[in-house]
Amino acid sequence: MPADINLRMPSEAEIEAAQNRARALRAEAFGRAAARAAAAIKAVVMAPVRALRRERELADLGALSDRDLKDIGLSRSDLPAIRAGTFVRREPERTAPVAAASPAPSAEPVAAANDADLRRAA
């Protein structure tokens, strides 16, 4: 053994501190494991509840009239994709802007009036 290594027995306080730290780490690890187990159990228990709720919502959508579906941005042909979970909302069709009935007034009369005012003021 090298001569510069100083080996000594830990004190009772150091042993107790190390044991307390080990207990804390063990409790923390157990808490994380318990939380993961609870989340997994909840996911298993809630899956049928979510499936039932989804089926009920899909049945409600299917019961809507075509007009009601259109009001919420859907069509009856979207329902199978919604059921499969592959539905992607389409952008609404944009209509071309309606042309104005008369052309916009020109700025020339205003400029001419301003010029006349400037001449009078000079």
N, C-alpha and C. Protein backbone atom coordinates (compact mmCIF):
# COMPACT_ATOMS: atom_id res chain seq x y z
N MET A 1 0.83 -1.17 0.00
CA MET A 1 0.00 0.00 0.00
C MET A 1 0.87 1.24 0.00
N PRO A 2 0.47 2.25 -0.77
CA PRO A 2 1.27 3.49 -0.74
C PRO A 2 1.22 4.12 0.64
N ALA A 3 2.25 4.80 0.98
CA ALA A 3 2.38 5.37 2.32
C ALA A 3 1.52 6.62 2.50
N ASP A 4 1.11 7.27 1.41
CA ASP A 4 0.37 8.52 1.55
C ASP A 4 -1.14 8.31 1.74
N ILE A 5 -1.63 7.08 1.77
CA ILE A 5 -3.05 6.81 1.99
C ILE A 5 -3.28 6.68 3.48
N ASN A 6 -4.23 7.45 3.97
CA ASN A 6 -4.54 7.45 5.40
C ASN A 6 -5.86 6.73 5.59
N LEU A 7 -5.83 5.51 6.08
CA LEU A 7 -7.05 4.74 6.32
C LEU A 7 -7.45 4.89 7.77
N ARG A 8 -8.75 5.14 7.98
CA ARG A 8 -9.25 5.25 9.34
C ARG A 8 -10.67 4.72 9.37
N MET A 9 -11.11 4.37 10.49
CA MET A 9 -12.49 3.91 10.68
C MET A 9 -13.40 5.13 10.71
N PRO A 10 -14.55 5.07 10.01
CA PRO A 10 -15.48 6.21 10.07
C PRO A 10 -16.08 6.32 11.47
N SER A 11 -16.42 7.52 11.82
CA SER A 11 -17.02 7.76 13.13
C SER A 11 -18.48 7.29 13.11
N GLU A 12 -19.05 7.18 14.29
CA GLU A 12 -20.47 6.79 14.40
C GLU A 12 -21.35 7.79 13.66
N ALA A 13 -21.03 9.06 13.74
CA ALA A 13 -21.82 10.11 13.08
C ALA A 13 -21.75 9.95 11.57
N GLU A 14 -20.56 9.62 11.04
CA GLU A 14 -20.41 9.43 9.59
C GLU A 14 -21.18 8.20 9.12
N ILE A 15 -21.13 7.14 9.93
CA ILE A 15 -21.88 5.92 9.59
C ILE A 15 -23.37 6.22 9.58
N GLU A 16 -23.84 6.93 10.59
CA GLU A 16 -25.26 7.25 10.67
C GLU A 16 -25.69 8.16 9.51
N ALA A 17 -24.84 9.12 9.14
CA ALA A 17 -25.14 10.01 8.01
C ALA A 17 -25.23 9.22 6.70
N ALA A 18 -24.32 8.28 6.52
CA ALA A 18 -24.34 7.45 5.31
C ALA A 18 -25.58 6.57 5.28
N GLN A 19 -25.97 6.01 6.42
CA GLN A 19 -27.18 5.19 6.49
C GLN A 19 -28.43 6.02 6.20
N ASN A 20 -28.47 7.24 6.75
CA ASN A 20 -29.61 8.12 6.50
C ASN A 20 -29.71 8.49 5.02
N ARG A 21 -28.57 8.75 4.43
CA ARG A 21 -28.55 9.08 2.98
C ARG A 21 -29.01 7.88 2.17
N ALA A 22 -28.58 6.69 2.51
CA ALA A 22 -29.00 5.47 1.81
C ALA A 22 -30.50 5.25 1.96
N ARG A 23 -31.03 5.49 3.16
CA ARG A 23 -32.48 5.35 3.37
C ARG A 23 -33.26 6.35 2.51
N ALA A 24 -32.74 7.58 2.45
CA ALA A 24 -33.41 8.62 1.65
C ALA A 24 -33.41 8.25 0.17
N LEU A 25 -32.27 7.78 -0.32
CA LEU A 25 -32.18 7.37 -1.72
C LEU A 25 -33.10 6.19 -2.02
N ARG A 26 -33.17 5.24 -1.10
CA ARG A 26 -34.03 4.07 -1.27
C ARG A 26 -35.51 4.50 -1.30
N ALA A 27 -35.89 5.40 -0.39
CA ALA A 27 -37.26 5.89 -0.35
C ALA A 27 -37.61 6.66 -1.62
N GLU A 28 -36.67 7.45 -2.12
CA GLU A 28 -36.89 8.20 -3.36
C GLU A 28 -37.08 7.25 -4.54
N ALA A 29 -36.23 6.23 -4.63
CA ALA A 29 -36.34 5.25 -5.71
C ALA A 29 -37.65 4.48 -5.61
N PHE A 30 -38.04 4.10 -4.40
CA PHE A 30 -39.31 3.40 -4.20
C PHE A 30 -40.48 4.29 -4.60
N GLY A 31 -40.41 5.57 -4.26
CA GLY A 31 -41.48 6.51 -4.62
C GLY A 31 -41.63 6.64 -6.13
N ARG A 32 -40.49 6.72 -6.84
CA ARG A 32 -40.56 6.80 -8.31
C ARG A 32 -41.14 5.53 -8.90
N ALA A 33 -40.72 4.37 -8.37
CA ALA A 33 -41.24 3.09 -8.87
C ALA A 33 -42.73 2.98 -8.59
N ALA A 34 -43.16 3.41 -7.41
CA ALA A 34 -44.59 3.35 -7.07
C ALA A 34 -45.40 4.27 -7.97
N ALA A 35 -44.87 5.44 -8.29
CA ALA A 35 -45.57 6.38 -9.17
C ALA A 35 -45.70 5.80 -10.57
N ARG A 36 -44.64 5.17 -11.07
CA ARG A 36 -44.71 4.54 -12.41
C ARG A 36 -45.71 3.40 -12.42
N ALA A 37 -45.71 2.60 -11.35
CA ALA A 37 -46.66 1.48 -11.27
C ALA A 37 -48.09 2.00 -11.22
N ALA A 38 -48.33 3.07 -10.46
CA ALA A 38 -49.68 3.64 -10.37
C ALA A 38 -50.11 4.20 -11.73
N ALA A 39 -49.20 4.83 -12.45
CA ALA A 39 -49.53 5.36 -13.78
C ALA A 39 -49.86 4.23 -14.74
N ALA A 40 -49.12 3.14 -14.67
CA ALA A 40 -49.40 2.00 -15.55
C ALA A 40 -50.75 1.37 -15.23
N ILE A 41 -51.06 1.22 -13.95
CA ILE A 41 -52.35 0.65 -13.55
C ILE A 41 -53.48 1.57 -14.00
N LYS A 42 -53.30 2.88 -13.82
CA LYS A 42 -54.32 3.84 -14.25
C LYS A 42 -54.54 3.75 -15.76
N ALA A 43 -53.47 3.62 -16.53
CA ALA A 43 -53.60 3.53 -17.99
C ALA A 43 -54.38 2.28 -18.38
N VAL A 44 -54.12 1.17 -17.70
CA VAL A 44 -54.82 -0.07 -18.02
C VAL A 44 -56.30 0.03 -17.64
N VAL A 45 -56.57 0.63 -16.49
CA VAL A 45 -57.95 0.74 -16.02
C VAL A 45 -58.73 1.76 -16.86
N MET A 46 -58.08 2.86 -17.24
CA MET A 46 -58.77 3.93 -17.95
C MET A 46 -58.94 3.66 -19.44
N ALA A 47 -58.18 2.74 -20.03
CA ALA A 47 -58.27 2.49 -21.47
C ALA A 47 -59.69 2.12 -21.89
N PRO A 48 -60.37 1.18 -21.22
CA PRO A 48 -61.74 0.88 -21.64
C PRO A 48 -62.70 2.06 -21.43
N VAL A 49 -62.46 2.84 -20.40
CA VAL A 49 -63.31 4.01 -20.15
C VAL A 49 -63.15 5.01 -21.29
N ARG A 50 -61.90 5.27 -21.69
CA ARG A 50 -61.66 6.19 -22.81
C ARG A 50 -62.24 5.66 -24.10
N ALA A 51 -62.11 4.35 -24.34
CA ALA A 51 -62.66 3.76 -25.56
C ALA A 51 -64.18 3.89 -25.59
N LEU A 52 -64.82 3.65 -24.47
CA LEU A 52 -66.27 3.79 -24.40
C LEU A 52 -66.70 5.23 -24.65
N ARG A 53 -65.99 6.17 -24.03
CA ARG A 53 -66.30 7.58 -24.22
C ARG A 53 -66.11 7.98 -25.68
N ARG A 54 -65.05 7.50 -26.32
CA ARG A 54 -64.79 7.81 -27.73
C ARG A 54 -65.88 7.24 -28.62
N GLU A 55 -66.30 6.00 -28.35
CA GLU A 55 -67.38 5.39 -29.15
C GLU A 55 -68.67 6.18 -29.00
N ARG A 56 -68.95 6.65 -27.80
CA ARG A 56 -70.16 7.44 -27.56
C ARG A 56 -70.08 8.76 -28.33
N GLU A 57 -68.91 9.42 -28.31
CA GLU A 57 -68.75 10.67 -29.04
C GLU A 57 -68.88 10.46 -30.54
N LEU A 58 -68.31 9.35 -31.05
CA LEU A 58 -68.43 9.06 -32.48
C LEU A 58 -69.88 8.76 -32.86
N ALA A 59 -70.61 8.07 -31.98
CA ALA A 59 -72.02 7.80 -32.23
C ALA A 59 -72.80 9.11 -32.26
N ASP A 60 -72.45 10.04 -31.36
CA ASP A 60 -73.11 11.35 -31.36
C ASP A 60 -72.83 12.10 -32.66
N LEU A 61 -71.59 12.03 -33.15
CA LEU A 61 -71.27 12.67 -34.44
C LEU A 61 -72.08 12.04 -35.56
N GLY A 62 -72.19 10.71 -35.55
CA GLY A 62 -72.93 10.02 -36.59
C GLY A 62 -74.42 10.36 -36.56
N ALA A 63 -74.92 10.76 -35.41
CA ALA A 63 -76.34 11.10 -35.29
C ALA A 63 -76.63 12.52 -35.77
N LEU A 64 -75.60 13.34 -35.97
CA LEU A 64 -75.82 14.71 -36.43
C LEU A 64 -76.26 14.71 -37.89
N SER A 65 -77.01 15.74 -38.25
CA SER A 65 -77.41 15.88 -39.66
C SER A 65 -76.21 16.36 -40.47
N ASP A 66 -76.30 16.22 -41.78
CA ASP A 66 -75.21 16.68 -42.65
C ASP A 66 -74.98 18.18 -42.46
N ARG A 67 -76.05 18.93 -42.27
CA ARG A 67 -75.92 20.38 -42.06
C ARG A 67 -75.18 20.68 -40.75
N ASP A 68 -75.54 19.95 -39.69
CA ASP A 68 -74.86 20.15 -38.40
C ASP A 68 -73.38 19.79 -38.52
N LEU A 69 -73.08 18.72 -39.23
CA LEU A 69 -71.67 18.34 -39.43
C LEU A 69 -70.94 19.44 -40.19
N LYS A 70 -71.59 20.00 -41.21
CA LYS A 70 -70.96 21.06 -42.01
C LYS A 70 -70.70 22.29 -41.14
N ASP A 71 -71.64 22.57 -40.22
CA ASP A 71 -71.47 23.72 -39.33
C ASP A 71 -70.21 23.60 -38.46
N ILE A 72 -69.81 22.39 -38.12
CA ILE A 72 -68.60 22.21 -37.31
C ILE A 72 -67.39 21.84 -38.16
N GLY A 73 -67.55 21.99 -39.48
CA GLY A 73 -66.42 21.79 -40.38
C GLY A 73 -66.14 20.35 -40.75
N LEU A 74 -67.15 19.49 -40.65
CA LEU A 74 -66.98 18.08 -40.99
C LEU A 74 -68.00 17.67 -42.05
N SER A 75 -67.76 16.52 -42.64
CA SER A 75 -68.75 15.91 -43.52
C SER A 75 -68.89 14.45 -43.09
N ARG A 76 -69.95 13.83 -43.53
CA ARG A 76 -70.19 12.45 -43.15
C ARG A 76 -69.04 11.55 -43.61
N SER A 77 -68.41 11.90 -44.72
CA SER A 77 -67.29 11.09 -45.22
C SER A 77 -66.05 11.20 -44.33
N ASP A 78 -66.00 12.19 -43.42
CA ASP A 78 -64.88 12.33 -42.49
C ASP A 78 -64.98 11.35 -41.32
N LEU A 79 -66.17 10.84 -41.04
CA LEU A 79 -66.38 10.03 -39.84
C LEU A 79 -65.53 8.76 -39.79
N PRO A 80 -65.36 8.00 -40.90
CA PRO A 80 -64.48 6.83 -40.81
C PRO A 80 -63.03 7.19 -40.45
N ALA A 81 -62.55 8.31 -40.98
CA ALA A 81 -61.18 8.73 -40.65
C ALA A 81 -61.08 9.16 -39.19
N ILE A 82 -62.15 9.78 -38.70
CA ILE A 82 -62.15 10.18 -37.28
C ILE A 82 -62.14 8.92 -36.42
N ARG A 83 -62.94 7.93 -36.78
CA ARG A 83 -62.99 6.67 -36.03
C ARG A 83 -61.63 5.98 -36.04
N ALA A 84 -60.94 6.01 -37.21
CA ALA A 84 -59.64 5.34 -37.33
C ALA A 84 -58.51 6.15 -36.70
N GLY A 85 -58.78 7.41 -36.38
CA GLY A 85 -57.74 8.25 -35.78
C GLY A 85 -56.80 8.84 -36.81
N THR A 86 -57.20 8.86 -38.08
CA THR A 86 -56.34 9.38 -39.14
C THR A 86 -56.88 10.68 -39.73
N PHE A 87 -57.89 11.26 -39.12
CA PHE A 87 -58.51 12.46 -39.67
C PHE A 87 -57.56 13.64 -39.60
N VAL A 88 -57.46 14.37 -40.71
CA VAL A 88 -56.68 15.61 -40.78
C VAL A 88 -57.63 16.68 -41.31
N ARG A 89 -57.77 17.75 -40.56
CA ARG A 89 -58.70 18.82 -40.95
C ARG A 89 -58.19 19.49 -42.22
N ARG A 90 -59.09 19.63 -43.17
CA ARG A 90 -58.77 20.32 -44.42
C ARG A 90 -58.97 21.82 -44.22
N GLU A 91 -58.18 22.60 -44.96
CA GLU A 91 -58.37 24.04 -44.95
C GLU A 91 -59.67 24.36 -45.67
N PRO A 92 -60.44 25.31 -45.16
CA PRO A 92 -61.68 25.65 -45.86
C PRO A 92 -61.38 26.26 -47.22
N GLU A 93 -62.28 26.02 -48.16
CA GLU A 93 -62.09 26.57 -49.50
C GLU A 93 -62.26 28.08 -49.45
N ARG A 94 -61.36 28.76 -50.08
CA ARG A 94 -61.41 30.22 -50.12
C ARG A 94 -62.09 30.64 -51.41
N THR A 95 -62.98 31.59 -51.33
CA THR A 95 -63.63 32.09 -52.54
C THR A 95 -62.88 33.33 -52.99
N ALA A 96 -62.95 33.60 -54.29
CA ALA A 96 -62.27 34.77 -54.83
C ALA A 96 -62.98 36.02 -54.32
N PRO A 97 -62.23 37.08 -54.04
CA PRO A 97 -62.88 38.30 -53.57
C PRO A 97 -63.78 38.87 -54.66
N VAL A 98 -64.87 39.46 -54.23
CA VAL A 98 -65.81 40.05 -55.16
C VAL A 98 -65.24 41.38 -55.62
N ALA A 99 -65.27 41.61 -56.96
CA ALA A 99 -64.75 42.85 -57.51
C ALA A 99 -65.67 44.00 -57.11
N ALA A 100 -65.07 45.16 -56.88
CA ALA A 100 -65.86 46.34 -56.50
C ALA A 100 -66.72 46.78 -57.67
N ALA A 101 -67.92 47.27 -57.39
CA ALA A 101 -68.85 47.69 -58.44
C ALA A 101 -68.33 48.93 -59.16
N SER A 102 -67.70 49.83 -58.44
CA SER A 102 -67.15 51.03 -59.08
C SER A 102 -65.68 51.14 -58.70
N PRO A 103 -64.87 51.73 -59.56
CA PRO A 103 -63.45 51.85 -59.24
C PRO A 103 -63.25 52.77 -58.04
N ALA A 104 -62.15 52.57 -57.37
CA ALA A 104 -61.82 53.40 -56.21
C ALA A 104 -61.56 54.83 -56.68
N PRO A 105 -61.93 55.81 -55.88
CA PRO A 105 -61.69 57.21 -56.29
C PRO A 105 -60.21 57.49 -56.40
N SER A 106 -59.88 58.36 -57.33
CA SER A 106 -58.49 58.71 -57.58
C SER A 106 -58.04 59.76 -56.57
N ALA A 107 -56.76 59.80 -56.31
CA ALA A 107 -56.21 60.79 -55.38
C ALA A 107 -55.90 62.10 -56.11
N GLU A 108 -56.06 62.15 -57.44
CA GLU A 108 -55.71 63.34 -58.20
C GLU A 108 -56.52 64.57 -57.79
N PRO A 109 -57.86 64.49 -57.59
CA PRO A 109 -58.58 65.71 -57.19
C PRO A 109 -58.08 66.27 -55.87
N VAL A 110 -57.69 65.43 -54.95
CA VAL A 110 -57.17 65.91 -53.66
C VAL A 110 -55.85 66.64 -53.87
N ALA A 111 -54.98 66.06 -54.71
CA ALA A 111 -53.69 66.69 -54.97
C ALA A 111 -53.89 68.04 -55.64
N ALA A 112 -54.83 68.12 -56.58
CA ALA A 112 -55.09 69.38 -57.26
C ALA A 112 -55.61 70.42 -56.28
N ALA A 113 -56.48 70.02 -55.38
CA ALA A 113 -57.01 70.97 -54.39
C ALA A 113 -55.90 71.44 -53.47
N ASN A 114 -55.00 70.55 -53.08
CA ASN A 114 -53.87 70.95 -52.22
C ASN A 114 -52.97 71.94 -52.94
N ASP A 115 -52.74 71.72 -54.24
CA ASP A 115 -51.91 72.63 -55.02
C ASP A 115 -52.54 74.04 -55.06
N ALA A 116 -53.87 74.06 -55.25
CA ALA A 116 -54.56 75.35 -55.30
C ALA A 116 -54.46 76.06 -53.96
N ASP A 117 -54.59 75.32 -52.87
CA ASP A 117 -54.48 75.93 -51.54
C ASP A 117 -53.08 76.50 -51.31
N LEU A 118 -52.06 75.77 -51.79
CA LEU A 118 -50.69 76.25 -51.63
C LEU A 118 -50.46 77.54 -52.41
N ARG A 119 -51.05 77.64 -53.61
CA ARG A 119 -50.87 78.84 -54.43
C ARG A 119 -51.53 80.05 -53.76
N ARG A 120 -52.70 79.84 -53.16
CA ARG A 120 -53.40 80.93 -52.51
C ARG A 120 -52.63 81.39 -51.28
N ALA A 121 -52.01 80.46 -50.59
CA ALA A 121 -51.31 80.80 -49.37
C ALA A 121 -50.01 81.55 -49.67
N ALA A 122 -49.47 81.39 -50.88
CA ALA A 122 -48.18 81.99 -51.21
C ALA A 122 -48.27 83.45 -51.54
